[in-house]
């Protein structure tokens, strides 16, 4: 059974998210040996709140996999924090504690340094540019590289363009971020990008960010509009500068340790179904971003445009630094593809 965008939207994401996936119990740790004909339960983790579109995409994926394997594979979805921190989700794939995951690229950079190239600031001029690169040879190369750490990269999705939110002042020019303590993902590119404009980057897990903002541990963050709403961060936010500095790709991944225990048919179903989720994931994010942006406006948050040329120029040193760290040839290839 194939699923196109019209069918996906017609079914209603909310109804899919309410599906019941009862069955075998769950245990953490390396997968046990599977008896012939025994159904398997796979744990799919993502770092976002249940209201985030990632939950809906993950749940639809699980529903389709169960149908297409005639019930031999059930997928249980665990949203933000249920299977550990954002970092734990990625490391859990390598160890077999987490079977499947959807995650942003920033949390993959330490394991796969070449992924830093697609998080370079102001790299992609549009959604189409990013999708062309990620769906092409470069994206496939990055997915294939994940096997070196015990992870199968299945497909690419999107979490929304990253913007700069804060509770202190409007951000229009790079210097407006000077001295501001900003929560970032753990990726080194993100730290370098905000150091370049004089901010103080601090790595904090998404589930701890609301308290950190409330207590003044940080006074800014850089997330797409959707998680700012689904995690209720808009309640402690006053200003949003639409920097759109990173496309914020996301990878759908499987634990090699667990995946290799499945039958060839089950593996094929999971790979093919995951690939179907890519376009649906992107469409859901695009549509929900419009809704989330309006929710921020309705909350009274001041949203403003920024000086893109000034920001891009201020962050140019990041390219110089990471061409050496990632590899000049690969970075140049990504830049050329992004601007083709």
C-alpha atoms as a PDB file:
ATOM      1  CA  UNK A   1       0.000   0.000   0.000  1.00  0.00           C
ATOM      2  CA  UNK A   2       1.486   3.352  -0.982  1.00  0.00           C
ATOM      3  CA  UNK A   3       0.728   6.653   0.712  1.00  0.00           C
ATOM      4  CA  UNK A   4       0.719   9.960  -1.116  1.00  0.00           C
ATOM      5  CA  UNK A   5       0.365  13.395   0.443  1.00  0.00           C
ATOM      6  CA  UNK A   6      -3.358  13.647  -0.236  1.00  0.00           C
ATOM      7  CA  UNK A   7      -4.033  10.288   1.405  1.00  0.00           C
ATOM      8  CA  UNK A   8      -1.830  11.254   4.342  1.00  0.00           C
ATOM      9  CA  UNK A   9      -3.624  14.526   4.962  1.00  0.00           C
ATOM     10  CA  UNK A  10      -7.046  13.027   4.327  1.00  0.00           C
ATOM     11  CA  UNK A  11      -6.582  10.411   7.012  1.00  0.00           C
ATOM     12  CA  UNK A  12      -5.877  13.101   9.547  1.00  0.00           C
ATOM     13  CA  UNK A  13      -2.647  13.111  11.487  1.00  0.00           C
ATOM     14  CA  UNK A  14      -4.470  13.337  14.784  1.00  0.00           C
ATOM     15  CA  UNK A  15      -6.404  10.136  14.160  1.00  0.00           C
ATOM     16  CA  UNK A  16      -3.248   8.285  13.229  1.00  0.00           C
ATOM     17  CA  UNK A  17      -1.486   9.533  16.345  1.00  0.00           C
ATOM     18  CA  UNK A  18      -4.249   7.997  18.459  1.00  0.00           C
ATOM     19  CA  UNK A  19      -3.655   4.482  17.085  1.00  0.00           C
ATOM     20  CA  UNK A  20      -3.140   1.799  19.686  1.00  0.00           C
ATOM     21  CA  UNK A  21       0.049  -0.225  19.354  1.00  0.00           C
ATOM     22  CA  UNK A  22      -0.339  -2.610  22.255  1.00  0.00           C
ATOM     23  CA  UNK A  23       1.507  -5.887  22.293  1.00  0.00           C
ATOM     24  CA  UNK A  24       4.749  -7.301  23.543  1.00  0.00           C
ATOM     25  CA  UNK A  25       6.482  -5.613  26.433  1.00  0.00           C
ATOM     26  CA  UNK A  26       9.516  -3.354  26.037  1.00  0.00           C
ATOM     27  CA  UNK A  27      12.942  -3.737  27.527  1.00  0.00           C
ATOM     28  CA  UNK A  28      15.964  -1.480  27.291  1.00  0.00           C
ATOM     29  CA  UNK A  29      19.304  -2.853  26.211  1.00  0.00           C
ATOM     30  CA  UNK A  30      20.683  -4.968  23.411  1.00  0.00           C
ATOM     31  CA  UNK A  31      18.069  -6.894  21.415  1.00  0.00           C
ATOM     32  CA  UNK A  32      17.443 -10.454  22.474  1.00  0.00           C
ATOM     33  CA  UNK A  33      17.553 -13.370  20.046  1.00  0.00           C
ATOM     34  CA  UNK A  34      14.226 -13.612  18.233  1.00  0.00           C
ATOM     35  CA  UNK A  35      12.442 -16.932  17.928  1.00  0.00           C
ATOM     36  CA  UNK A  36      11.136 -17.924  14.506  1.00  0.00           C
ATOM     37  CA  UNK A  37       7.769 -16.310  13.804  1.00  0.00           C
ATOM     38  CA  UNK A  38       7.857 -14.226  16.980  1.00  0.00           C
ATOM     39  CA  UNK A  39       6.567 -10.619  16.538  1.00  0.00           C
ATOM     40  CA  UNK A  40       8.998  -7.849  17.385  1.00  0.00           C
ATOM     41  CA  UNK A  41       8.415  -4.463  19.013  1.00  0.00           C
ATOM     42  CA  UNK A  42      10.680  -1.630  17.890  1.00  0.00           C
ATOM     43  CA  UNK A  43      11.207   1.535  19.943  1.00  0.00           C
ATOM     44  CA  UNK A  44      11.170   4.739  17.872  1.00  0.00           C
ATOM     45  CA  UNK A  45      12.410   7.795  19.756  1.00  0.00           C
ATOM     46  CA  UNK A  46      12.353  11.479  18.859  1.00  0.00           C
ATOM     47  CA  UNK A  47      13.240  14.505  21.023  1.00  0.00           C
ATOM     48  CA  UNK A  48      10.139  16.612  20.474  1.00  0.00           C
ATOM     49  CA  UNK A  49       6.889  17.086  22.377  1.00  0.00           C
ATOM     50  CA  UNK A  50       3.865  14.893  21.524  1.00  0.00           C
ATOM     51  CA  UNK A  51       2.221  17.910  19.840  1.00  0.00           C
ATOM     52  CA  UNK A  52       5.102  18.215  17.357  1.00  0.00           C
ATOM     53  CA  UNK A  53       4.582  16.937  13.770  1.00  0.00           C
ATOM     54  CA  UNK A  54       7.432  14.479  14.347  1.00  0.00           C
ATOM     55  CA  UNK A  55       5.101  12.515  16.625  1.00  0.00           C
ATOM     56  CA  UNK A  56       2.504  12.298  13.883  1.00  0.00           C
ATOM     57  CA  UNK A  57       5.011  11.215  11.243  1.00  0.00           C
ATOM     58  CA  UNK A  58       6.511   8.622  13.588  1.00  0.00           C
ATOM     59  CA  UNK A  59       3.085   7.250  14.461  1.00  0.00           C
ATOM     60  CA  UNK A  60       2.034   7.022  10.819  1.00  0.00           C
ATOM     61  CA  UNK A  61       5.293   5.218  10.062  1.00  0.00           C
ATOM     62  CA  UNK A  62       4.539   2.706  12.811  1.00  0.00           C
ATOM     63  CA  UNK A  63       0.989   2.137  11.575  1.00  0.00           C
ATOM     64  CA  UNK A  64       2.160   1.443   8.028  1.00  0.00           C
ATOM     65  CA  UNK A  65       5.007  -0.836   9.096  1.00  0.00           C
ATOM     66  CA  UNK A  66       2.618  -2.910  11.207  1.00  0.00           C
ATOM     67  CA  UNK A  67       0.201  -3.210   8.274  1.00  0.00           C
ATOM     68  CA  UNK A  68       2.852  -4.007   5.691  1.00  0.00           C
ATOM     69  CA  UNK A  69       4.558  -6.672   7.800  1.00  0.00           C
ATOM     70  CA  UNK A  70       1.199  -8.301   8.618  1.00  0.00           C
ATOM     71  CA  UNK A  71       1.770  -7.583  12.292  1.00  0.00           C
ATOM     72  CA  UNK A  72       5.230  -9.122  12.586  1.00  0.00           C
ATOM     73  CA  UNK A  73       6.675  -5.681  13.488  1.00  0.00           C
ATOM     74  CA  UNK A  74       5.077  -3.198  15.868  1.00  0.00           C
ATOM     75  CA  UNK A  75       6.551   0.260  16.397  1.00  0.00           C
ATOM     76  CA  UNK A  76       6.140   2.067  19.712  1.00  0.00           C
ATOM     77  CA  UNK A  77       6.792   5.817  19.589  1.00  0.00           C
ATOM     78  CA  UNK A  78       8.513   7.619  22.465  1.00  0.00           C
ATOM     79  CA  UNK A  79       8.534  11.419  22.411  1.00  0.00           C
ATOM     80  CA  UNK A  80      10.956  13.860  24.036  1.00  0.00           C
ATOM     81  CA  UNK A  81      12.727  12.626  27.140  1.00  0.00           C
ATOM     82  CA  UNK A  82      10.983   9.252  27.443  1.00  0.00           C
ATOM     83  CA  UNK A  83      14.069   7.293  26.380  1.00  0.00           C
ATOM     84  CA  UNK A  84      16.635   9.744  27.705  1.00  0.00           C
ATOM     85  CA  UNK A  85      18.109  13.073  26.656  1.00  0.00           C
ATOM     86  CA  UNK A  86      18.543  14.263  23.096  1.00  0.00           C
ATOM     87  CA  UNK A  87      22.131  13.019  23.150  1.00  0.00           C
ATOM     88  CA  UNK A  88      21.062   9.668  24.630  1.00  0.00           C
ATOM     89  CA  UNK A  89      18.699   9.025  21.724  1.00  0.00           C
ATOM     90  CA  UNK A  90      21.544   9.141  19.213  1.00  0.00           C
ATOM     91  CA  UNK A  91      23.995   7.134  21.319  1.00  0.00           C
ATOM     92  CA  UNK A  92      21.206   4.626  22.006  1.00  0.00           C
ATOM     93  CA  UNK A  93      21.015   3.814  18.303  1.00  0.00           C
ATOM     94  CA  UNK A  94      24.653   2.709  18.300  1.00  0.00           C
ATOM     95  CA  UNK A  95      24.198   0.501  21.361  1.00  0.00           C
ATOM     96  CA  UNK A  96      20.829  -0.975  20.392  1.00  0.00           C
ATOM     97  CA  UNK A  97      18.951   0.620  23.297  1.00  0.00           C
ATOM     98  CA  UNK A  98      16.980   2.701  20.772  1.00  0.00           C
ATOM     99  CA  UNK A  99      15.802   0.871  17.637  1.00  0.00           C
ATOM    100  CA  UNK A 100      14.670   3.771  15.463  1.00  0.00           C
ATOM    101  CA  UNK A 101      14.980   7.539  15.775  1.00  0.00           C
ATOM    102  CA  UNK A 102      14.180  10.861  14.150  1.00  0.00           C
ATOM    103  CA  UNK A 103      16.631  13.599  15.123  1.00  0.00           C
ATOM    104  CA  UNK A 104      18.117  16.921  14.062  1.00  0.00           C
ATOM    105  CA  UNK A 105      21.539  17.090  12.453  1.00  0.00           C
ATOM    106  CA  UNK A 106      23.097  19.099  15.282  1.00  0.00           C
ATOM    107  CA  UNK A 107      23.060  16.024  17.502  1.00  0.00           C
ATOM    108  CA  UNK A 108      24.767  13.940  14.824  1.00  0.00           C
ATOM    109  CA  UNK A 109      27.727  16.218  14.206  1.00  0.00           C
ATOM    110  CA  UNK A 110      29.964  14.756  16.920  1.00  0.00           C
ATOM    111  CA  UNK A 111      29.556  11.239  15.501  1.00  0.00           C
ATOM    112  CA  UNK A 112      29.616  12.208  11.835  1.00  0.00           C
ATOM    113  CA  UNK A 113      31.710  15.391  11.341  1.00  0.00           C
ATOM    114  CA  UNK A 114      30.850  15.691   7.639  1.00  0.00           C
ATOM    115  CA  UNK A 115      27.224  16.456   8.614  1.00  0.00           C
ATOM    116  CA  UNK A 116      28.525  19.777   9.936  1.00  0.00           C
ATOM    117  CA  UNK A 117      28.675  20.934   6.322  1.00  0.00           C
ATOM    118  CA  UNK A 118      24.886  21.033   5.943  1.00  0.00           C
ATOM    119  CA  UNK A 119      24.553  23.062   9.164  1.00  0.00           C
ATOM    120  CA  UNK A 120      26.856  25.846   7.988  1.00  0.00           C
ATOM    121  CA  UNK A 121      25.037  29.180   8.478  1.00  0.00           C
ATOM    122  CA  UNK A 122      23.105  30.591   5.527  1.00  0.00           C
ATOM    123  CA  UNK A 123      24.194  27.681   3.318  1.00  0.00           C
ATOM    124  CA  UNK A 124      20.832  26.956   1.695  1.00  0.00           C
ATOM    125  CA  UNK A 125      18.917  29.767  -0.040  1.00  0.00           C
ATOM    126  CA  UNK A 126      15.627  27.833  -0.082  1.00  0.00           C
ATOM    127  CA  UNK A 127      13.807  24.622   0.825  1.00  0.00           C
ATOM    128  CA  UNK A 128      14.284  23.428  -2.742  1.00  0.00           C
ATOM    129  CA  UNK A 129      18.042  23.900  -2.515  1.00  0.00           C
ATOM    130  CA  UNK A 130      18.297  21.908   0.713  1.00  0.00           C
ATOM    131  CA  UNK A 131      16.052  19.116  -0.512  1.00  0.00           C
ATOM    132  CA  UNK A 132      18.032  18.820  -3.750  1.00  0.00           C
ATOM    133  CA  UNK A 133      21.258  18.353  -1.793  1.00  0.00           C
ATOM    134  CA  UNK A 134      19.866  15.987   0.844  1.00  0.00           C
ATOM    135  CA  UNK A 135      17.959  13.864  -1.681  1.00  0.00           C
ATOM    136  CA  UNK A 136      20.961  13.666  -3.989  1.00  0.00           C
ATOM    137  CA  UNK A 137      24.411  12.025  -3.850  1.00  0.00           C
ATOM    138  CA  UNK A 138      25.614  14.201  -0.955  1.00  0.00           C
ATOM    139  CA  UNK A 139      22.679  13.291   1.250  1.00  0.00           C
ATOM    140  CA  UNK A 140      23.082   9.611   0.417  1.00  0.00           C
ATOM    141  CA  UNK A 141      26.787   9.773   1.190  1.00  0.00           C
ATOM    142  CA  UNK A 142      26.028  11.188   4.638  1.00  0.00           C
ATOM    143  CA  UNK A 143      23.404   8.504   5.328  1.00  0.00           C
ATOM    144  CA  UNK A 144      25.786   5.746   4.233  1.00  0.00           C
ATOM    145  CA  UNK A 145      28.552   7.088   6.500  1.00  0.00           C
ATOM    146  CA  UNK A 146      26.334   6.451   9.532  1.00  0.00           C
ATOM    147  CA  UNK A 147      27.008   2.719   9.275  1.00  0.00           C
ATOM    148  CA  UNK A 148      30.490   3.346  10.687  1.00  0.00           C
ATOM    149  CA  UNK A 149      28.820   4.028  14.063  1.00  0.00           C
ATOM    150  CA  UNK A 150      26.288   1.203  13.955  1.00  0.00           C
ATOM    151  CA  UNK A 151      23.468   3.290  12.494  1.00  0.00           C
ATOM    152  CA  UNK A 152      21.548   2.955   9.238  1.00  0.00           C
ATOM    153  CA  UNK A 153      20.524   6.312   7.788  1.00  0.00           C
ATOM    154  CA  UNK A 154      17.145   5.818   6.111  1.00  0.00           C
ATOM    155  CA  UNK A 155      15.976   9.215   4.860  1.00  0.00           C
ATOM    156  CA  UNK A 156      16.086  12.968   5.392  1.00  0.00           C
ATOM    157  CA  UNK A 157      13.334  15.191   6.736  1.00  0.00           C
ATOM    158  CA  UNK A 158      13.008  18.780   7.921  1.00  0.00           C
ATOM    159  CA  UNK A 159      12.421  20.464  11.274  1.00  0.00           C
ATOM    160  CA  UNK A 160      11.925  24.007   9.979  1.00  0.00           C
ATOM    161  CA  UNK A 161      14.223  26.981   9.451  1.00  0.00           C
ATOM    162  CA  UNK A 162      15.965  28.006  12.658  1.00  0.00           C
ATOM    163  CA  UNK A 163      15.315  31.529  13.930  1.00  0.00           C
ATOM    164  CA  UNK A 164      16.529  33.433  16.998  1.00  0.00           C
ATOM    165  CA  UNK A 165      14.131  33.819  19.927  1.00  0.00           C
ATOM    166  CA  UNK A 166      14.838  35.746  23.130  1.00  0.00           C
ATOM    167  CA  UNK A 167      13.251  37.566  26.044  1.00  0.00           C
ATOM    168  CA  UNK A 168      15.531  40.624  26.095  1.00  0.00           C
ATOM    169  CA  UNK A 169      15.509  42.705  22.895  1.00  0.00           C
ATOM    170  CA  UNK A 170      14.801  42.606  19.147  1.00  0.00           C
ATOM    171  CA  UNK A 171      17.523  40.998  17.036  1.00  0.00           C
ATOM    172  CA  UNK A 172      18.054  42.858  13.771  1.00  0.00           C
ATOM    173  CA  UNK A 173      21.840  43.148  13.395  1.00  0.00           C
ATOM    174  CA  UNK A 174      24.537  40.649  14.437  1.00  0.00           C
ATOM    175  CA  UNK A 175      25.736  42.966  17.206  1.00  0.00           C
ATOM    176  CA  UNK A 176      22.308  42.728  18.856  1.00  0.00           C
ATOM    177  CA  UNK A 177      23.360  39.249  20.013  1.00  0.00           C
ATOM    178  CA  UNK A 178      26.550  40.481  21.681  1.00  0.00           C
ATOM    179  CA  UNK A 179      26.817  39.110  25.212  1.00  0.00           C
ATOM    180  CA  UNK A 180      23.511  37.270  24.977  1.00  0.00           C
ATOM    181  CA  UNK A 181      23.453  33.772  26.494  1.00  0.00           C
ATOM    182  CA  UNK A 182      21.875  31.577  23.849  1.00  0.00           C
ATOM    183  CA  UNK A 183      20.864  27.934  24.061  1.00  0.00           C
ATOM    184  CA  UNK A 184      22.202  25.877  21.166  1.00  0.00           C
ATOM    185  CA  UNK A 185      22.333  22.276  20.021  1.00  0.00           C
ATOM    186  CA  UNK A 186      25.619  20.504  20.829  1.00  0.00           C
ATOM    187  CA  UNK A 187      26.910  20.790  17.229  1.00  0.00           C
ATOM    188  CA  UNK A 188      30.215  22.634  16.960  1.00  0.00           C
ATOM    189  CA  UNK A 189      29.006  24.622  13.946  1.00  0.00           C
ATOM    190  CA  UNK A 190      26.221  26.141  16.043  1.00  0.00           C
ATOM    191  CA  UNK A 191      28.665  27.186  18.771  1.00  0.00           C
ATOM    192  CA  UNK A 192      31.037  28.742  16.249  1.00  0.00           C
ATOM    193  CA  UNK A 193      28.228  30.568  14.450  1.00  0.00           C
ATOM    194  CA  UNK A 194      26.999  32.358  17.557  1.00  0.00           C
ATOM    195  CA  UNK A 195      30.455  33.041  18.935  1.00  0.00           C
ATOM    196  CA  UNK A 196      31.121  34.807  15.632  1.00  0.00           C
ATOM    197  CA  UNK A 197      28.407  37.375  16.463  1.00  0.00           C
ATOM    198  CA  UNK A 198      29.507  37.823  20.077  1.00  0.00           C
ATOM    199  CA  UNK A 199      26.874  35.653  21.761  1.00  0.00           C
ATOM    200  CA  UNK A 200      27.593  33.142  24.521  1.00  0.00           C
ATOM    201  CA  UNK A 201      26.408  29.711  23.323  1.00  0.00           C
ATOM    202  CA  UNK A 202      25.298  27.226  25.998  1.00  0.00           C
ATOM    203  CA  UNK A 203      24.265  23.626  25.309  1.00  0.00           C
ATOM    204  CA  UNK A 204      21.028  22.726  27.118  1.00  0.00           C
ATOM    205  CA  UNK A 205      18.667  19.815  26.500  1.00  0.00           C
ATOM    206  CA  UNK A 206      15.373  20.905  24.937  1.00  0.00           C
ATOM    207  CA  UNK A 207      13.374  19.518  27.855  1.00  0.00           C
ATOM    208  CA  UNK A 208      15.291  21.811  30.241  1.00  0.00           C
ATOM    209  CA  UNK A 209      15.101  24.974  28.155  1.00  0.00           C
ATOM    210  CA  UNK A 210      11.844  26.394  29.549  1.00  0.00           C
ATOM    211  CA  UNK A 211      13.241  26.432  33.088  1.00  0.00           C
ATOM    212  CA  UNK A 212      16.592  27.762  31.882  1.00  0.00           C
ATOM    213  CA  UNK A 213      14.850  30.732  30.246  1.00  0.00           C
ATOM    214  CA  UNK A 214      12.623  31.320  33.250  1.00  0.00           C
ATOM    215  CA  UNK A 215      15.589  31.338  35.617  1.00  0.00           C
ATOM    216  CA  UNK A 216      17.886  33.402  33.397  1.00  0.00           C
ATOM    217  CA  UNK A 217      20.422  30.656  32.759  1.00  0.00           C
ATOM    218  CA  UNK A 218      19.989  31.695  29.122  1.00  0.00           C
ATOM    219  CA  UNK A 219      18.001  34.547  27.642  1.00  0.00           C
ATOM    220  CA  UNK A 220      17.856  33.365  24.046  1.00  0.00           C
ATOM    221  CA  UNK A 221      17.580  30.231  21.923  1.00  0.00           C
ATOM    222  CA  UNK A 222      17.534  29.356  18.226  1.00  0.00           C
ATOM    223  CA  UNK A 223      14.780  26.971  17.227  1.00  0.00           C
ATOM    224  CA  UNK A 224      12.234  26.786  14.418  1.00  0.00           C
ATOM    225  CA  UNK A 225       8.779  28.230  15.128  1.00  0.00           C
ATOM    226  CA  UNK A 226       7.126  24.842  15.644  1.00  0.00           C
ATOM    227  CA  UNK A 227       9.035  23.652  18.757  1.00  0.00           C
ATOM    228  CA  UNK A 228       8.809  27.152  20.229  1.00  0.00           C
ATOM    229  CA  UNK A 229       5.066  26.514  20.357  1.00  0.00           C
ATOM    230  CA  UNK A 230       4.858  22.765  21.043  1.00  0.00           C
ATOM    231  CA  UNK A 231       7.226  23.042  24.042  1.00  0.00           C
ATOM    232  CA  UNK A 232       5.407  26.195  25.259  1.00  0.00           C
ATOM    233  CA  UNK A 233       8.585  28.271  25.005  1.00  0.00           C
ATOM    234  CA  UNK A 234       6.507  31.088  23.523  1.00  0.00           C
ATOM    235  CA  UNK A 235       5.327  31.729  27.105  1.00  0.00           C
ATOM    236  CA  UNK A 236       8.830  32.932  28.047  1.00  0.00           C
ATOM    237  CA  UNK A 237       9.707  34.578  24.727  1.00  0.00           C
ATOM    238  CA  UNK A 238       9.281  38.246  23.773  1.00  0.00           C
ATOM    239  CA  UNK A 239      11.147  38.665  20.472  1.00  0.00           C
ATOM    240  CA  UNK A 240      11.897  36.564  17.395  1.00  0.00           C
ATOM    241  CA  UNK A 241      14.383  37.567  14.723  1.00  0.00           C
ATOM    242  CA  UNK A 242      13.730  35.653  11.507  1.00  0.00           C
ATOM    243  CA  UNK A 243      17.340  34.820  10.740  1.00  0.00           C
ATOM    244  CA  UNK A 244      16.555  31.512   8.979  1.00  0.00           C
ATOM    245  CA  UNK A 245      20.243  30.769   9.485  1.00  0.00           C
ATOM    246  CA  UNK A 246      20.005  26.957   9.192  1.00  0.00           C
ATOM    247  CA  UNK A 247      17.606  24.747   7.210  1.00  0.00           C
ATOM    248  CA  UNK A 248      17.598  22.260  10.122  1.00  0.00           C
ATOM    249  CA  UNK A 249      17.492  18.921   8.395  1.00  0.00           C
ATOM    250  CA  UNK A 250      16.584  15.784  10.294  1.00  0.00           C
ATOM    251  CA  UNK A 251      17.520  12.158   9.785  1.00  0.00           C
ATOM    252  CA  UNK A 252      15.331   9.069  10.146  1.00  0.00           C
ATOM    253  CA  UNK A 253      17.652   6.329  11.424  1.00  0.00           C
ATOM    254  CA  UNK A 254      17.741   2.701  12.565  1.00  0.00           C
ATOM    255  CA  UNK A 255      20.023   0.846  14.951  1.00  0.00           C
ATOM    256  CA  UNK A 256      22.161  -1.527  12.883  1.00  0.00           C
ATOM    257  CA  UNK A 257      22.304  -3.931  15.813  1.00  0.00           C
ATOM    258  CA  UNK A 258      18.529  -4.219  15.927  1.00  0.00           C
ATOM    259  CA  UNK A 259      17.805  -3.838  12.218  1.00  0.00           C
ATOM    260  CA  UNK A 260      20.080  -6.741  11.303  1.00  0.00           C
ATOM    261  CA  UNK A 261      17.953  -9.105  13.418  1.00  0.00           C
ATOM    262  CA  UNK A 262      14.887  -8.479  11.249  1.00  0.00           C
ATOM    263  CA  UNK A 263      13.880 -10.583   8.266  1.00  0.00           C
ATOM    264  CA  UNK A 264      14.740  -9.304   4.757  1.00  0.00           C
ATOM    265  CA  UNK A 265      11.064  -8.507   4.144  1.00  0.00           C
ATOM    266  CA  UNK A 266      10.801  -6.521   7.384  1.00  0.00           C
ATOM    267  CA  UNK A 267      13.970  -4.607   6.555  1.00  0.00           C
ATOM    268  CA  UNK A 268      12.640  -3.728   3.112  1.00  0.00           C
ATOM    269  CA  UNK A 269       9.326  -2.548   4.540  1.00  0.00           C
ATOM    270  CA  UNK A 270      11.055  -0.309   7.069  1.00  0.00           C
ATOM    271  CA  UNK A 271      13.425   1.201   4.509  1.00  0.00           C
ATOM    272  CA  UNK A 272      10.703   1.865   1.945  1.00  0.00           C
ATOM    273  CA  UNK A 273       8.222   3.233   4.483  1.00  0.00           C
ATOM    274  CA  UNK A 274      10.853   5.525   5.985  1.00  0.00           C
ATOM    275  CA  UNK A 275      11.604   6.938   2.523  1.00  0.00           C
ATOM    276  CA  UNK A 276       7.892   7.674   2.065  1.00  0.00           C
ATOM    277  CA  UNK A 277       7.929   9.673   5.290  1.00  0.00           C
ATOM    278  CA  UNK A 278      10.514  12.177   4.025  1.00  0.00           C
ATOM    279  CA  UNK A 279       8.202  14.285   1.809  1.00  0.00           C
ATOM    280  CA  UNK A 280       5.323  13.972   4.290  1.00  0.00           C
ATOM    281  CA  UNK A 281       7.589  15.081   7.134  1.00  0.00           C
ATOM    282  CA  UNK A 282       8.684  18.147   5.164  1.00  0.00           C
ATOM    283  CA  UNK A 283       5.129  19.051   4.158  1.00  0.00           C
ATOM    284  CA  UNK A 284       3.836  18.711   7.722  1.00  0.00           C
ATOM    285  CA  UNK A 285       6.598  20.992   9.033  1.00  0.00           C
ATOM    286  CA  UNK A 286       6.001  23.608   6.334  1.00  0.00           C
ATOM    287  CA  UNK A 287       2.274  23.744   7.051  1.00  0.00           C
ATOM    288  CA  UNK A 288       2.640  23.700  10.825  1.00  0.00           C
ATOM    289  CA  UNK A 289       5.263  26.463  10.693  1.00  0.00           C
ATOM    290  CA  UNK A 290       2.628  28.862   9.330  1.00  0.00           C
ATOM    291  CA  UNK A 291       0.315  27.958  12.203  1.00  0.00           C
ATOM    292  CA  UNK A 292       3.081  28.234  14.800  1.00  0.00           C
ATOM    293  CA  UNK A 293       4.247  31.623  13.552  1.00  0.00           C
ATOM    294  CA  UNK A 294       0.719  32.980  13.887  1.00  0.00           C
ATOM    295  CA  UNK A 295       0.457  31.516  17.404  1.00  0.00           C
ATOM    296  CA  UNK A 296       3.566  33.480  18.352  1.00  0.00           C
ATOM    297  CA  UNK A 297       2.092  36.666  16.915  1.00  0.00           C
ATOM    298  CA  UNK A 298      -1.185  36.056  18.737  1.00  0.00           C
ATOM    299  CA  UNK A 299       0.784  35.642  21.960  1.00  0.00           C
ATOM    300  CA  UNK A 300       2.183  39.149  21.481  1.00  0.00           C
ATOM    301  CA  UNK A 301       5.715  38.118  20.520  1.00  0.00           C
ATOM    302  CA  UNK A 302       7.405  40.735  18.325  1.00  0.00           C
ATOM    303  CA  UNK A 303       8.635  39.100  15.106  1.00  0.00           C
ATOM    304  CA  UNK A 304      10.999  41.038  12.865  1.00  0.00           C
ATOM    305  CA  UNK A 305      13.175  40.648   9.783  1.00  0.00           C
ATOM    306  CA  UNK A 306      16.954  40.801  10.161  1.00  0.00           C
ATOM    307  CA  UNK A 307      19.815  42.175   8.093  1.00  0.00           C
ATOM    308  CA  UNK A 308      20.702  38.983   6.208  1.00  0.00           C
ATOM    309  CA  UNK A 309      23.832  40.326   4.463  1.00  0.00           C
ATOM    310  CA  UNK A 310      25.227  41.558   7.777  1.00  0.00           C
ATOM    311  CA  UNK A 311      24.594  38.205   9.497  1.00  0.00           C
ATOM    312  CA  UNK A 312      26.030  36.225   6.611  1.00  0.00           C
ATOM    313  CA  UNK A 313      29.180  38.354   6.556  1.00  0.00           C
ATOM    314  CA  UNK A 314      29.602  38.131  10.341  1.00  0.00           C
ATOM    315  CA  UNK A 315      29.468  34.324  10.168  1.00  0.00           C
ATOM    316  CA  UNK A 316      31.879  33.948   7.229  1.00  0.00           C
ATOM    317  CA  UNK A 317      34.741  32.918   9.580  1.00  0.00           C
ATOM    318  CA  UNK A 318      32.739  29.760  10.388  1.00  0.00           C
ATOM    319  CA  UNK A 319      33.265  28.580   6.808  1.00  0.00           C
ATOM    320  CA  UNK A 320      37.000  29.168   7.042  1.00  0.00           C
ATOM    321  CA  UNK A 321      37.219  27.255  10.312  1.00  0.00           C
ATOM    322  CA  UNK A 322      35.162  24.257   9.237  1.00  0.00           C
ATOM    323  CA  UNK A 323      36.581  23.853   5.733  1.00  0.00           C
ATOM    324  CA  UNK A 324      39.692  22.602   7.500  1.00  0.00           C
ATOM    325  CA  UNK A 325      37.864  20.499  10.078  1.00  0.00           C
ATOM    326  CA  UNK A 326      35.388  18.831   7.700  1.00  0.00           C
ATOM    327  CA  UNK A 327      37.514  18.734   4.591  1.00  0.00           C
ATOM    328  CA  UNK A 328      37.782  21.523   2.038  1.00  0.00           C
ATOM    329  CA  UNK A 329      36.839  19.329  -0.904  1.00  0.00           C
ATOM    330  CA  UNK A 330      33.596  18.121   0.689  1.00  0.00           C
ATOM    331  CA  UNK A 331      32.592  21.579   1.938  1.00  0.00           C
ATOM    332  CA  UNK A 332      33.189  23.078  -1.489  1.00  0.00           C
ATOM    333  CA  UNK A 333      31.101  20.297  -3.053  1.00  0.00           C
ATOM    334  CA  UNK A 334      28.198  21.013  -0.680  1.00  0.00           C
ATOM    335  CA  UNK A 335      28.377  24.773  -1.268  1.00  0.00           C
ATOM    336  CA  UNK A 336      28.396  24.257  -5.054  1.00  0.00           C
ATOM    337  CA  UNK A 337      25.415  21.871  -4.874  1.00  0.00           C
ATOM    338  CA  UNK A 338      23.458  24.225  -2.591  1.00  0.00           C
ATOM    339  CA  UNK A 339      23.827  27.073  -5.068  1.00  0.00           C
ATOM    340  CA  UNK A 340      23.378  25.087  -8.276  1.00  0.00           C
END
